[in-house]
């Protein structure tokens, strides 16, 4: 049994087997190529920080790390953060201060005849 299984595995993996035929067909007939273009093999030494640049063959390579740290300082970012949080805190306090629903838990009823002034003991 083991001899037959190893013979079948050897045929599948051999030069004329299923694996070699499918991989060559995928390489030659798919026509899709790589997702980022042709792979360029370097023929000279790479730059010192070459891994920090995304170069996919376009004329404008992009940096891999965003350059936000150079444009916004630490204290400027802290000021923007405190300003934004302060705005939302003041908006929340204004909503709590101006909360009519907690002071009047039900809708005031409207009665006819001047809100039943005479019927409730008022002067006629």
PDB file of N, CA and C in Angstrom:
ATOM      1  N   UNK A   1       0.817  -1.176   0.000  1.00  0.00           N
ATOM      2  CA  UNK A   1       0.000   0.000   0.000  1.00  0.00           C
ATOM      3  C   UNK A   1       0.869   1.252   0.000  1.00  0.00           C
ATOM      4  N   UNK A   2       1.896   1.267   0.859  1.00  0.00           N
ATOM      5  CA  UNK A   2       2.764   2.435   0.946  1.00  0.00           C
ATOM      6  C   UNK A   2       3.542   2.619  -0.351  1.00  0.00           C
ATOM      7  N   UNK A   3       3.888   1.503  -1.016  1.00  0.00           N
ATOM      8  CA  UNK A   3       4.594   1.602  -2.287  1.00  0.00           C
ATOM      9  C   UNK A   3       3.728   2.258  -3.354  1.00  0.00           C
ATOM     10  N   UNK A   4       2.441   1.904  -3.382  1.00  0.00           N
ATOM     11  CA  UNK A   4       1.546   2.510  -4.378  1.00  0.00           C
ATOM     12  C   UNK A   4       1.332   3.999  -4.102  1.00  0.00           C
ATOM     13  N   UNK A   5       1.203   4.367  -2.819  1.00  0.00           N
ATOM     14  CA  UNK A   5       1.019   5.775  -2.482  1.00  0.00           C
ATOM     15  C   UNK A   5       2.255   6.585  -2.835  1.00  0.00           C
ATOM     16  N   UNK A   6       3.433   6.065  -2.556  1.00  0.00           N
ATOM     17  CA  UNK A   6       4.653   6.819  -2.876  1.00  0.00           C
ATOM     18  C   UNK A   6       4.833   6.914  -4.393  1.00  0.00           C
ATOM     19  N   UNK A   7       4.415   5.882  -5.143  1.00  0.00           N
ATOM     20  CA  UNK A   7       4.510   5.938  -6.594  1.00  0.00           C
ATOM     21  C   UNK A   7       3.540   6.989  -7.142  1.00  0.00           C
ATOM     22  N   UNK A   8       2.321   7.083  -6.542  1.00  0.00           N
ATOM     23  CA  UNK A   8       1.358   8.094  -6.984  1.00  0.00           C
ATOM     24  C   UNK A   8       1.858   9.502  -6.645  1.00  0.00           C
ATOM     25  N   UNK A   9       2.450   9.664  -5.465  1.00  0.00           N
ATOM     26  CA  UNK A   9       2.997  10.969  -5.095  1.00  0.00           C
ATOM     27  C   UNK A   9       4.167  11.339  -5.991  1.00  0.00           C
ATOM     28  N   UNK A  10       4.995  10.384  -6.338  1.00  0.00           N
ATOM     29  CA  UNK A  10       6.119  10.665  -7.225  1.00  0.00           C
ATOM     30  C   UNK A  10       5.623  11.071  -8.606  1.00  0.00           C
ATOM     31  N   UNK A  11       4.520  10.443  -9.091  1.00  0.00           N
ATOM     32  CA  UNK A  11       3.999  10.813 -10.406  1.00  0.00           C
ATOM     33  C   UNK A  11       3.413  12.236 -10.379  1.00  0.00           C
ATOM     34  N   UNK A  12       2.712  12.578  -9.279  1.00  0.00           N
ATOM     35  CA  UNK A  12       2.117  13.915  -9.180  1.00  0.00           C
ATOM     36  C   UNK A  12       3.202  14.986  -9.145  1.00  0.00           C
ATOM     37  N   UNK A  13       4.270  14.739  -8.422  1.00  0.00           N
ATOM     38  CA  UNK A  13       5.317  15.742  -8.268  1.00  0.00           C
ATOM     39  C   UNK A  13       6.386  15.666  -9.355  1.00  0.00           C
ATOM     40  N   UNK A  14       6.318  14.712 -10.253  1.00  0.00           N
ATOM     41  CA  UNK A  14       7.374  14.528 -11.249  1.00  0.00           C
ATOM     42  C   UNK A  14       7.343  15.610 -12.316  1.00  0.00           C
ATOM     43  N   UNK A  15       8.252  15.532 -13.258  1.00  0.00           N
ATOM     44  CA  UNK A  15       8.393  16.519 -14.320  1.00  0.00           C
ATOM     45  C   UNK A  15       7.135  16.590 -15.187  1.00  0.00           C
ATOM     46  N   UNK A  16       6.491  15.487 -15.465  1.00  0.00           N
ATOM     47  CA  UNK A  16       5.294  15.460 -16.305  1.00  0.00           C
ATOM     48  C   UNK A  16       4.017  15.333 -15.473  1.00  0.00           C
ATOM     49  N   UNK A  17       4.107  15.543 -14.169  1.00  0.00           N
ATOM     50  CA  UNK A  17       2.956  15.351 -13.294  1.00  0.00           C
ATOM     51  C   UNK A  17       2.007  16.539 -13.286  1.00  0.00           C
ATOM     52  N   UNK A  18       1.017  16.425 -12.413  1.00  0.00           N
ATOM     53  CA  UNK A  18      -0.046  17.420 -12.339  1.00  0.00           C
ATOM     54  C   UNK A  18       0.482  18.760 -11.821  1.00  0.00           C
ATOM     55  N   UNK A  19       1.348  18.734 -10.821  1.00  0.00           N
ATOM     56  CA  UNK A  19       1.822  19.969 -10.207  1.00  0.00           C
ATOM     57  C   UNK A  19       2.641  20.786 -11.190  1.00  0.00           C
ATOM     58  N   UNK A  20       3.516  20.165 -11.917  1.00  0.00           N
ATOM     59  CA  UNK A  20       4.347  20.924 -12.852  1.00  0.00           C
ATOM     60  C   UNK A  20       3.514  21.489 -14.009  1.00  0.00           C
ATOM     61  N   UNK A  21       2.502  20.713 -14.463  1.00  0.00           N
ATOM     62  CA  UNK A  21       1.666  21.222 -15.557  1.00  0.00           C
ATOM     63  C   UNK A  21       0.830  22.403 -15.110  1.00  0.00           C
ATOM     64  N   UNK A  22       0.271  22.356 -13.887  1.00  0.00           N
ATOM     65  CA  UNK A  22      -0.576  23.457 -13.435  1.00  0.00           C
ATOM     66  C   UNK A  22       0.244  24.710 -13.150  1.00  0.00           C
ATOM     67  N   UNK A  23       1.433  24.564 -12.562  1.00  0.00           N
ATOM     68  CA  UNK A  23       2.222  25.758 -12.262  1.00  0.00           C
ATOM     69  C   UNK A  23       2.741  26.417 -13.530  1.00  0.00           C
ATOM     70  N   UNK A  24       3.121  25.625 -14.544  1.00  0.00           N
ATOM     71  CA  UNK A  24       3.583  26.249 -15.784  1.00  0.00           C
ATOM     72  C   UNK A  24       2.422  26.917 -16.516  1.00  0.00           C
ATOM     73  N   UNK A  25       1.224  26.325 -16.432  1.00  0.00           N
ATOM     74  CA  UNK A  25       0.070  26.936 -17.075  1.00  0.00           C
ATOM     75  C   UNK A  25      -0.286  28.261 -16.391  1.00  0.00           C
ATOM     76  N   UNK A  26      -0.173  28.309 -15.077  1.00  0.00           N
ATOM     77  CA  UNK A  26      -0.450  29.549 -14.378  1.00  0.00           C
ATOM     78  C   UNK A  26       0.575  30.617 -14.725  1.00  0.00           C
ATOM     79  N   UNK A  27       1.844  30.220 -14.837  1.00  0.00           N
ATOM     80  CA  UNK A  27       2.886  31.187 -15.155  1.00  0.00           C
ATOM     81  C   UNK A  27       2.735  31.725 -16.556  1.00  0.00           C
ATOM     82  N   UNK A  28       2.414  30.884 -17.522  1.00  0.00           N
ATOM     83  CA  UNK A  28       2.450  31.289 -18.916  1.00  0.00           C
ATOM     84  C   UNK A  28       1.117  31.823 -19.417  1.00  0.00           C
ATOM     85  N   UNK A  29      -0.002  31.332 -18.918  1.00  0.00           N
ATOM     86  CA  UNK A  29      -1.276  31.640 -19.551  1.00  0.00           C
ATOM     87  C   UNK A  29      -2.202  32.541 -18.734  1.00  0.00           C
ATOM     88  N   UNK A  30      -1.844  32.890 -17.510  1.00  0.00           N
ATOM     89  CA  UNK A  30      -2.788  33.694 -16.737  1.00  0.00           C
ATOM     90  C   UNK A  30      -2.802  35.134 -17.212  1.00  0.00           C
ATOM     91  N   UNK A  31      -1.665  35.705 -17.529  1.00  0.00           N
ATOM     92  CA  UNK A  31      -1.606  37.054 -18.054  1.00  0.00           C
ATOM     93  C   UNK A  31      -1.873  38.134 -17.044  1.00  0.00           C
ATOM     94  N   UNK A  32      -1.937  37.798 -15.761  1.00  0.00           N
ATOM     95  CA  UNK A  32      -2.261  38.799 -14.758  1.00  0.00           C
ATOM     96  C   UNK A  32      -1.040  39.582 -14.301  1.00  0.00           C
ATOM     97  N   UNK A  33       0.072  38.976 -14.145  1.00  0.00           N
ATOM     98  CA  UNK A  33       1.255  39.674 -13.658  1.00  0.00           C
ATOM     99  C   UNK A  33       1.194  39.899 -12.156  1.00  0.00           C
ATOM    100  N   UNK A  34       2.180  40.607 -11.643  1.00  0.00           N
ATOM    101  CA  UNK A  34       2.234  40.910 -10.221  1.00  0.00           C
ATOM    102  C   UNK A  34       1.329  42.095  -9.897  1.00  0.00           C
ATOM    103  N   UNK A  35       0.868  42.228  -8.666  1.00  0.00           N
ATOM    104  CA  UNK A  35      -0.062  43.312  -8.341  1.00  0.00           C
ATOM    105  C   UNK A  35       0.561  44.703  -8.402  1.00  0.00           C
ATOM    106  N   UNK A  36       1.861  44.840  -8.273  1.00  0.00           N
ATOM    107  CA  UNK A  36       2.486  46.162  -8.273  1.00  0.00           C
ATOM    108  C   UNK A  36       3.442  46.359  -9.442  1.00  0.00           C
ATOM    109  N   UNK A  37       3.303  45.613 -10.468  1.00  0.00           N
ATOM    110  CA  UNK A  37       4.172  45.783 -11.623  1.00  0.00           C
ATOM    111  C   UNK A  37       5.336  44.801 -11.605  1.00  0.00           C
ATOM    112  N   UNK A  38       6.238  45.009 -12.520  1.00  0.00           N
ATOM    113  CA  UNK A  38       7.377  44.105 -12.671  1.00  0.00           C
ATOM    114  C   UNK A  38       8.342  44.268 -11.502  1.00  0.00           C
ATOM    115  N   UNK A  39       8.810  43.157 -10.995  1.00  0.00           N
ATOM    116  CA  UNK A  39       9.760  43.174  -9.890  1.00  0.00           C
ATOM    117  C   UNK A  39      11.130  43.563 -10.421  1.00  0.00           C
ATOM    118  N   UNK A  40      11.728  44.586  -9.823  1.00  0.00           N
ATOM    119  CA  UNK A  40      13.042  45.065 -10.259  1.00  0.00           C
ATOM    120  C   UNK A  40      14.090  44.516  -9.309  1.00  0.00           C
ATOM    121  N   UNK A  41      15.036  43.772  -9.845  1.00  0.00           N
ATOM    122  CA  UNK A  41      16.124  43.228  -9.051  1.00  0.00           C
ATOM    123  C   UNK A  41      17.228  44.272  -8.997  1.00  0.00           C
ATOM    124  N   UNK A  42      17.679  44.684  -7.803  1.00  0.00           N
ATOM    125  CA  UNK A  42      18.703  45.722  -7.729  1.00  0.00           C
ATOM    126  C   UNK A  42      20.040  45.213  -8.271  1.00  0.00           C
ATOM    127  N   UNK A  43      20.707  46.045  -9.069  1.00  0.00           N
ATOM    128  CA  UNK A  43      22.014  45.669  -9.621  1.00  0.00           C
ATOM    129  C   UNK A  43      23.139  46.478  -8.984  1.00  0.00           C
ATOM    130  N   UNK A  44      22.820  47.410  -8.102  1.00  0.00           N
ATOM    131  CA  UNK A  44      23.825  48.172  -7.368  1.00  0.00           C
ATOM    132  C   UNK A  44      23.401  48.237  -5.908  1.00  0.00           C
ATOM    133  N   UNK A  45      24.281  48.639  -4.997  1.00  0.00           N
ATOM    134  CA  UNK A  45      23.907  48.681  -3.579  1.00  0.00           C
ATOM    135  C   UNK A  45      22.746  49.636  -3.331  1.00  0.00           C
ATOM    136  N   UNK A  46      21.874  49.248  -2.415  1.00  0.00           N
ATOM    137  CA  UNK A  46      20.711  50.063  -2.086  1.00  0.00           C
ATOM    138  C   UNK A  46      21.111  51.249  -1.221  1.00  0.00           C
ATOM    139  N   UNK A  47      20.269  52.278  -1.217  1.00  0.00           N
ATOM    140  CA  UNK A  47      20.508  53.441  -0.365  1.00  0.00           C
ATOM    141  C   UNK A  47      20.358  53.041   1.095  1.00  0.00           C
ATOM    142  N   UNK A  48      20.800  53.919   1.984  1.00  0.00           N
ATOM    143  CA  UNK A  48      20.817  53.600   3.407  1.00  0.00           C
ATOM    144  C   UNK A  48      19.397  53.362   3.930  1.00  0.00           C
ATOM    145  N   UNK A  49      18.459  54.233   3.609  1.00  0.00           N
ATOM    146  CA  UNK A  49      17.080  54.102   4.096  1.00  0.00           C
ATOM    147  C   UNK A  49      16.134  53.698   2.969  1.00  0.00           C
ATOM    148  N   UNK A  50      16.532  52.751   2.173  1.00  0.00           N
ATOM    149  CA  UNK A  50      15.721  52.338   1.027  1.00  0.00           C
ATOM    150  C   UNK A  50      14.410  51.675   1.451  1.00  0.00           C
ATOM    151  N   UNK A  51      14.397  51.036   2.611  1.00  0.00           N
ATOM    152  CA  UNK A  51      13.175  50.371   3.057  1.00  0.00           C
ATOM    153  C   UNK A  51      12.102  51.361   3.494  1.00  0.00           C
ATOM    154  N   UNK A  52      12.440  52.647   3.635  1.00  0.00           N
ATOM    155  CA  UNK A  52      11.469  53.655   4.032  1.00  0.00           C
ATOM    156  C   UNK A  52      10.770  54.311   2.849  1.00  0.00           C
ATOM    157  N   UNK A  53      11.070  53.863   1.631  1.00  0.00           N
ATOM    158  CA  UNK A  53      10.466  54.435   0.429  1.00  0.00           C
ATOM    159  C   UNK A  53       9.710  53.351  -0.310  1.00  0.00           C
ATOM    160  N   UNK A  54       8.447  53.632  -0.665  1.00  0.00           N
ATOM    161  CA  UNK A  54       7.634  52.707  -1.442  1.00  0.00           C
ATOM    162  C   UNK A  54       7.792  53.078  -2.903  1.00  0.00           C
ATOM    163  N   UNK A  55       8.562  52.291  -3.620  1.00  0.00           N
ATOM    164  CA  UNK A  55       8.814  52.548  -5.036  1.00  0.00           C
ATOM    165  C   UNK A  55       8.223  51.397  -5.832  1.00  0.00           C
ATOM    166  N   UNK A  56       7.077  51.632  -6.448  1.00  0.00           N
ATOM    167  CA  UNK A  56       6.428  50.585  -7.218  1.00  0.00           C
ATOM    168  C   UNK A  56       6.584  50.793  -8.711  1.00  0.00           C
ATOM    169  N   UNK A  57       7.585  51.523  -9.121  1.00  0.00           N
ATOM    170  CA  UNK A  57       7.854  51.705 -10.535  1.00  0.00           C
ATOM    171  C   UNK A  57       7.241  52.954 -11.124  1.00  0.00           C
ATOM    172  N   UNK A  58       6.501  53.721 -10.348  1.00  0.00           N
ATOM    173  CA  UNK A  58       5.936  54.965 -10.857  1.00  0.00           C
ATOM    174  C   UNK A  58       6.997  56.062 -10.791  1.00  0.00           C
ATOM    175  N   UNK A  59       6.799  57.175 -11.496  1.00  0.00           N
ATOM    176  CA  UNK A  59       7.816  58.231 -11.449  1.00  0.00           C
ATOM    177  C   UNK A  59       7.907  58.940 -10.098  1.00  0.00           C
ATOM    178  N   UNK A  60       6.910  58.772  -9.223  1.00  0.00           N
ATOM    179  CA  UNK A  60       6.911  59.465  -7.945  1.00  0.00           C
ATOM    180  C   UNK A  60       6.867  58.457  -6.796  1.00  0.00           C
ATOM    181  N   UNK A  61       8.009  57.987  -6.310  1.00  0.00           N
ATOM    182  CA  UNK A  61       7.989  57.070  -5.163  1.00  0.00           C
ATOM    183  C   UNK A  61       7.484  57.787  -3.910  1.00  0.00           C
ATOM    184  N   UNK A  62       6.787  57.044  -3.039  1.00  0.00           N
ATOM    185  CA  UNK A  62       6.172  57.619  -1.850  1.00  0.00           C
ATOM    186  C   UNK A  62       6.919  57.176  -0.598  1.00  0.00           C
ATOM    187  N   UNK A  63       6.938  58.023   0.428  1.00  0.00           N
ATOM    188  CA  UNK A  63       7.523  57.578   1.699  1.00  0.00           C
ATOM    189  C   UNK A  63       6.570  56.623   2.411  1.00  0.00           C
ATOM    190  N   UNK A  64       7.126  55.631   3.074  1.00  0.00           N
ATOM    191  CA  UNK A  64       6.297  54.663   3.795  1.00  0.00           C
ATOM    192  C   UNK A  64       5.769  55.235   5.105  1.00  0.00           C
ATOM    193  N   UNK A  65       6.484  56.170   5.698  1.00  0.00           N
ATOM    194  CA  UNK A  65       6.080  56.758   6.963  1.00  0.00           C
ATOM    195  C   UNK A  65       5.488  58.130   6.677  1.00  0.00           C
ATOM    196  N   UNK A  66       4.320  58.409   7.259  1.00  0.00           N
ATOM    197  CA  UNK A  66       3.721  59.730   7.075  1.00  0.00           C
ATOM    198  C   UNK A  66       4.599  60.799   7.703  1.00  0.00           C
ATOM    199  N   UNK A  67       4.666  61.940   7.059  1.00  0.00           N
ATOM    200  CA  UNK A  67       5.531  63.020   7.513  1.00  0.00           C
ATOM    201  C   UNK A  67       4.776  64.032   8.370  1.00  0.00           C
ATOM    202  N   UNK A  68       3.836  63.590   9.170  1.00  0.00           N
ATOM    203  CA  UNK A  68       3.051  64.517   9.984  1.00  0.00           C
ATOM    204  C   UNK A  68       3.885  65.095  11.117  1.00  0.00           C
ATOM    205  N   UNK A  69       4.862  64.364  11.593  1.00  0.00           N
ATOM    206  CA  UNK A  69       5.642  64.808  12.740  1.00  0.00           C
ATOM    207  C   UNK A  69       6.448  66.067  12.425  1.00  0.00           C
ATOM    208  N   UNK A  70       6.809  66.292  11.182  1.00  0.00           N
ATOM    209  CA  UNK A  70       7.605  67.469  10.842  1.00  0.00           C
ATOM    210  C   UNK A  70       6.745  68.718  10.742  1.00  0.00           C
ATOM    211  N   UNK A  71       5.447  68.605  10.478  1.00  0.00           N
ATOM    212  CA  UNK A  71       4.619  69.781  10.250  1.00  0.00           C
ATOM    213  C   UNK A  71       3.874  70.240  11.493  1.00  0.00           C
ATOM    214  N   UNK A  72       3.577  69.370  12.425  1.00  0.00           N
ATOM    215  CA  UNK A  72       2.831  69.730  13.628  1.00  0.00           C
ATOM    216  C   UNK A  72       3.706  69.436  14.831  1.00  0.00           C
ATOM    217  N   UNK A  73       3.936  70.470  15.630  1.00  0.00           N
ATOM    218  CA  UNK A  73       4.763  70.297  16.817  1.00  0.00           C
ATOM    219  C   UNK A  73       4.002  69.639  17.948  1.00  0.00           C
ATOM    220  N   UNK A  74       4.756  69.264  18.973  1.00  0.00           N
ATOM    221  CA  UNK A  74       4.164  68.561  20.101  1.00  0.00           C
ATOM    222  C   UNK A  74       3.184  69.453  20.857  1.00  0.00           C
ATOM    223  N   UNK A  75       3.557  70.684  21.113  1.00  0.00           N
ATOM    224  CA  UNK A  75       2.697  71.578  21.881  1.00  0.00           C
ATOM    225  C   UNK A  75       1.540  72.117  21.048  1.00  0.00           C
ATOM    226  N   UNK A  76       1.747  72.264  19.738  1.00  0.00           N
ATOM    227  CA  UNK A  76       0.631  72.667  18.877  1.00  0.00           C
ATOM    228  C   UNK A  76      -0.428  71.570  18.825  1.00  0.00           C
ATOM    229  N   UNK A  77      -0.003  70.330  18.732  1.00  0.00           N
ATOM    230  CA  UNK A  77      -0.948  69.206  18.738  1.00  0.00           C
ATOM    231  C   UNK A  77      -1.680  69.126  20.080  1.00  0.00           C
ATOM    232  N   UNK A  78      -0.964  69.393  21.173  1.00  0.00           N
ATOM    233  CA  UNK A  78      -1.602  69.397  22.491  1.00  0.00           C
ATOM    234  C   UNK A  78      -2.635  70.511  22.586  1.00  0.00           C
ATOM    235  N   UNK A  79      -2.330  71.686  22.023  1.00  0.00           N
ATOM    236  CA  UNK A  79      -3.282  72.787  22.022  1.00  0.00           C
ATOM    237  C   UNK A  79      -4.540  72.454  21.240  1.00  0.00           C
ATOM    238  N   UNK A  80      -4.374  71.844  20.063  1.00  0.00           N
ATOM    239  CA  UNK A  80      -5.546  71.443  19.260  1.00  0.00           C
ATOM    240  C   UNK A  80      -6.377  70.397  19.997  1.00  0.00           C
ATOM    241  N   UNK A  81      -5.726  69.455  20.644  1.00  0.00           N
ATOM    242  CA  UNK A  81      -6.445  68.417  21.383  1.00  0.00           C
ATOM    243  C   UNK A  81      -7.228  69.017  22.544  1.00  0.00           C
ATOM    244  N   UNK A  82      -6.578  69.879  23.316  1.00  0.00           N
ATOM    245  CA  UNK A  82      -7.272  70.507  24.454  1.00  0.00           C
ATOM    246  C   UNK A  82      -8.401  71.416  23.979  1.00  0.00           C
ATOM    247  N   UNK A  83      -8.195  72.134  22.873  1.00  0.00           N
ATOM    248  CA  UNK A  83      -9.254  72.979  22.335  1.00  0.00           C
ATOM    249  C   UNK A  83     -10.463  72.175  21.896  1.00  0.00           C
ATOM    250  N   UNK A  84     -10.228  71.066  21.201  1.00  0.00           N
ATOM    251  CA  UNK A  84     -11.333  70.213  20.753  1.00  0.00           C
ATOM    252  C   UNK A  84     -12.073  69.579  21.909  1.00  0.00           C
ATOM    253  N   UNK A  85     -11.326  69.053  22.875  1.00  0.00           N
ATOM    254  CA  UNK A  85     -11.984  68.445  24.038  1.00  0.00           C
ATOM    255  C   UNK A  85     -12.725  69.497  24.857  1.00  0.00           C
ATOM    256  N   UNK A  86     -12.147  70.687  24.977  1.00  0.00           N
ATOM    257  CA  UNK A  86     -12.814  71.761  25.701  1.00  0.00           C
ATOM    258  C   UNK A  86     -14.116  72.177  25.031  1.00  0.00           C
ATOM    259  N   UNK A  87     -14.114  72.207  23.705  1.00  0.00           N
ATOM    260  CA  UNK A  87     -15.342  72.535  22.985  1.00  0.00           C
ATOM    261  C   UNK A  87     -16.436  71.522  23.281  1.00  0.00           C
ATOM    262  N   UNK A  88     -16.116  70.244  23.235  1.00  0.00           N
ATOM    263  CA  UNK A  88     -17.136  69.226  23.475  1.00  0.00           C
ATOM    264  C   UNK A  88     -17.588  69.201  24.938  1.00  0.00           C
ATOM    265  N   UNK A  89     -16.690  69.486  25.866  1.00  0.00           N
ATOM    266  CA  UNK A  89     -17.084  69.557  27.277  1.00  0.00           C
ATOM    267  C   UNK A  89     -18.021  70.730  27.492  1.00  0.00           C
ATOM    268  N   UNK A  90     -17.697  71.887  26.902  1.00  0.00           N
ATOM    269  CA  UNK A  90     -18.588  73.047  27.057  1.00  0.00           C
ATOM    270  C   UNK A  90     -19.935  72.811  26.375  1.00  0.00           C
ATOM    271  N   UNK A  91     -19.940  72.117  25.255  1.00  0.00           N
ATOM    272  CA  UNK A  91     -21.207  71.783  24.598  1.00  0.00           C
ATOM    273  C   UNK A  91     -22.052  70.864  25.478  1.00  0.00           C
ATOM    274  N   UNK A  92     -21.427  69.896  26.124  1.00  0.00           N
ATOM    275  CA  UNK A  92     -22.150  68.999  27.029  1.00  0.00           C
ATOM    276  C   UNK A  92     -22.677  69.731  28.252  1.00  0.00           C
ATOM    277  N   UNK A  93     -21.871  70.642  28.831  1.00  0.00           N
ATOM    278  CA  UNK A  93     -22.335  71.407  29.985  1.00  0.00           C
ATOM    279  C   UNK A  93     -23.475  72.342  29.610  1.00  0.00           C
ATOM    280  N   UNK A  94     -23.418  72.917  28.417  1.00  0.00           N
ATOM    281  CA  UNK A  94     -24.509  73.765  27.940  1.00  0.00           C
ATOM    282  C   UNK A  94     -25.791  72.956  27.770  1.00  0.00           C
ATOM    283  N   UNK A  95     -25.670  71.723  27.279  1.00  0.00           N
ATOM    284  CA  UNK A  95     -26.853  70.867  27.122  1.00  0.00           C
ATOM    285  C   UNK A  95     -27.434  70.482  28.477  1.00  0.00           C
ATOM    286  N   UNK A  96     -26.579  70.239  29.470  1.00  0.00           N
ATOM    287  CA  UNK A  96     -27.070  69.906  30.814  1.00  0.00           C
ATOM    288  C   UNK A  96     -27.729  71.121  31.451  1.00  0.00           C
ATOM    289  N   UNK A  97     -27.138  72.299  31.295  1.00  0.00           N
ATOM    290  CA  UNK A  97     -27.682  73.521  31.883  1.00  0.00           C
ATOM    291  C   UNK A  97     -29.020  73.908  31.265  1.00  0.00           C
ATOM    292  N   UNK A  98     -29.181  73.648  29.970  1.00  0.00           N
ATOM    293  CA  UNK A  98     -30.381  74.060  29.244  1.00  0.00           C
ATOM    294  C   UNK A  98     -31.338  72.879  29.054  1.00  0.00           C
ATOM    295  N   UNK A  99     -31.356  71.927  29.983  1.00  0.00           N
ATOM    296  CA  UNK A  99     -32.166  70.722  29.834  1.00  0.00           C
ATOM    297  C   UNK A  99     -33.566  70.971  30.373  1.00  0.00           C
ATOM    298  N   UNK A 100     -34.512  71.225  29.494  1.00  0.00           N
ATOM    299  CA  UNK A 100     -35.885  71.492  29.906  1.00  0.00           C
ATOM    300  C   UNK A 100     -36.621  70.208  30.305  1.00  0.00           C
ATOM    301  N   UNK A 101     -36.252  69.101  29.732  1.00  0.00           N
ATOM    302  CA  UNK A 101     -36.988  67.857  29.984  1.00  0.00           C
ATOM    303  C   UNK A 101     -36.842  67.404  31.428  1.00  0.00           C
ATOM    304  N   UNK A 102     -35.733  67.718  32.087  1.00  0.00           N
ATOM    305  CA  UNK A 102     -35.578  67.286  33.469  1.00  0.00           C
ATOM    306  C   UNK A 102     -36.333  68.197  34.440  1.00  0.00           C
ATOM    307  N   UNK A 103     -36.589  69.453  34.043  1.00  0.00           N
ATOM    308  CA  UNK A 103     -37.328  70.341  34.936  1.00  0.00           C
ATOM    309  C   UNK A 103     -38.835  70.205  34.758  1.00  0.00           C
ATOM    310  N   UNK A 104     -39.302  69.887  33.571  1.00  0.00           N
ATOM    311  CA  UNK A 104     -40.730  69.691  33.314  1.00  0.00           C
ATOM    312  C   UNK A 104     -40.891  68.264  32.790  1.00  0.00           C
ATOM    313  N   UNK A 105     -41.172  67.292  33.668  1.00  0.00           N
ATOM    314  CA  UNK A 105     -41.189  65.897  33.230  1.00  0.00           C
ATOM    315  C   UNK A 105     -42.407  65.510  32.400  1.00  0.00           C
ATOM    316  N   UNK A 106     -43.397  66.361  32.309  1.00  0.00           N
ATOM    317  CA  UNK A 106     -44.586  66.032  31.517  1.00  0.00           C
ATOM    318  C   UNK A 106     -45.010  67.279  30.749  1.00  0.00           C
ATOM    319  N   UNK A 107     -45.809  67.064  29.748  1.00  0.00           N
ATOM    320  CA  UNK A 107     -46.293  68.171  28.937  1.00  0.00           C
ATOM    321  C   UNK A 107     -47.385  68.911  29.693  1.00  0.00           C
ATOM    322  N   UNK A 108     -47.333  70.244  29.786  1.00  0.00           N
ATOM    323  CA  UNK A 108     -48.390  70.979  30.469  1.00  0.00           C
ATOM    324  C   UNK A 108     -49.717  70.827  29.719  1.00  0.00           C
ATOM    325  N   UNK A 109     -50.771  70.605  30.474  1.00  0.00           N
ATOM    326  CA  UNK A 109     -52.076  70.410  29.854  1.00  0.00           C
ATOM    327  C   UNK A 109     -52.705  71.763  29.511  1.00  0.00           C
ATOM    328  N   UNK A 110     -53.399  71.799  28.405  1.00  0.00           N
ATOM    329  CA  UNK A 110     -54.080  73.012  27.968  1.00  0.00           C
ATOM    330  C   UNK A 110     -55.577  72.771  28.115  1.00  0.00           C
ATOM    331  N   UNK A 111     -56.218  73.582  28.993  1.00  0.00           N
ATOM    332  CA  UNK A 111     -57.652  73.441  29.234  1.00  0.00           C
ATOM    333  C   UNK A 111     -58.395  74.557  28.499  1.00  0.00           C
ATOM    334  N   UNK A 112     -59.658  74.298  28.177  1.00  0.00           N
ATOM    335  CA  UNK A 112     -60.451  75.375  27.564  1.00  0.00           C
ATOM    336  C   UNK A 112     -60.896  76.400  28.604  1.00  0.00           C
ATOM    337  N   UNK A 113     -61.561  77.428  28.171  1.00  0.00           N
ATOM    338  CA  UNK A 113     -62.088  78.485  29.023  1.00  0.00           C
ATOM    339  C   UNK A 113     -60.987  79.110  29.885  1.00  0.00           C
ATOM    340  N   UNK A 114     -59.967  79.577  29.220  1.00  0.00           N
ATOM    341  CA  UNK A 114     -58.844  80.259  29.895  1.00  0.00           C
ATOM    342  C   UNK A 114     -58.223  79.351  30.959  1.00  0.00           C
ATOM    343  N   UNK A 115     -57.963  78.126  30.562  1.00  0.00           N
ATOM    344  CA  UNK A 115     -57.351  77.082  31.408  1.00  0.00           C
ATOM    345  C   UNK A 115     -58.175  76.817  32.661  1.00  0.00           C
ATOM    346  N   UNK A 116     -59.482  76.866  32.556  1.00  0.00           N
ATOM    347  CA  UNK A 116     -60.414  76.572  33.648  1.00  0.00           C
ATOM    348  C   UNK A 116     -60.161  77.487  34.854  1.00  0.00           C
ATOM    349  N   UNK A 117     -59.935  78.746  34.558  1.00  0.00           N
ATOM    350  CA  UNK A 117     -59.604  79.683  35.632  1.00  0.00           C
ATOM    351  C   UNK A 117     -60.729  79.803  36.656  1.00  0.00           C
ATOM    352  N   UNK A 118     -61.946  79.946  36.183  1.00  0.00           N
ATOM    353  CA  UNK A 118     -63.083  80.120  37.095  1.00  0.00           C
ATOM    354  C   UNK A 118     -63.387  78.800  37.796  1.00  0.00           C
ATOM    355  N   UNK A 119     -63.326  77.674  37.090  1.00  0.00           N
ATOM    356  CA  UNK A 119     -63.653  76.373  37.671  1.00  0.00           C
ATOM    357  C   UNK A 119     -62.659  75.963  38.748  1.00  0.00           C
ATOM    358  N   UNK A 120     -61.410  76.437  38.630  1.00  0.00           N
ATOM    359  CA  UNK A 120     -60.394  76.069  39.601  1.00  0.00           C
ATOM    360  C   UNK A 120     -60.324  77.068  40.761  1.00  0.00           C
ATOM    361  N   UNK A 121     -61.289  77.974  40.841  1.00  0.00           N
ATOM    362  CA  UNK A 121     -61.353  78.873  41.981  1.00  0.00           C
ATOM    363  C   UNK A 121     -60.875  80.282  41.704  1.00  0.00           C
ATOM    364  N   UNK A 122     -60.646  80.631  40.481  1.00  0.00           N
ATOM    365  CA  UNK A 122     -60.227  81.985  40.161  1.00  0.00           C
ATOM    366  C   UNK A 122     -61.404  82.934  40.113  1.00  0.00           C
ATOM    367  N   UNK A 123     -61.155  84.195  39.997  1.00  0.00           N
ATOM    368  CA  UNK A 123     -62.224  85.184  39.933  1.00  0.00           C
ATOM    369  C   UNK A 123     -62.862  85.192  38.567  1.00  0.00           C
ATOM    370  N   UNK A 124     -64.229  85.385  38.524  1.00  0.00           N
ATOM    371  CA  UNK A 124     -64.925  85.357  37.229  1.00  0.00           C
ATOM    372  C   UNK A 124     -64.704  86.600  36.389  1.00  0.00           C
TER     373      UNK A 124
END
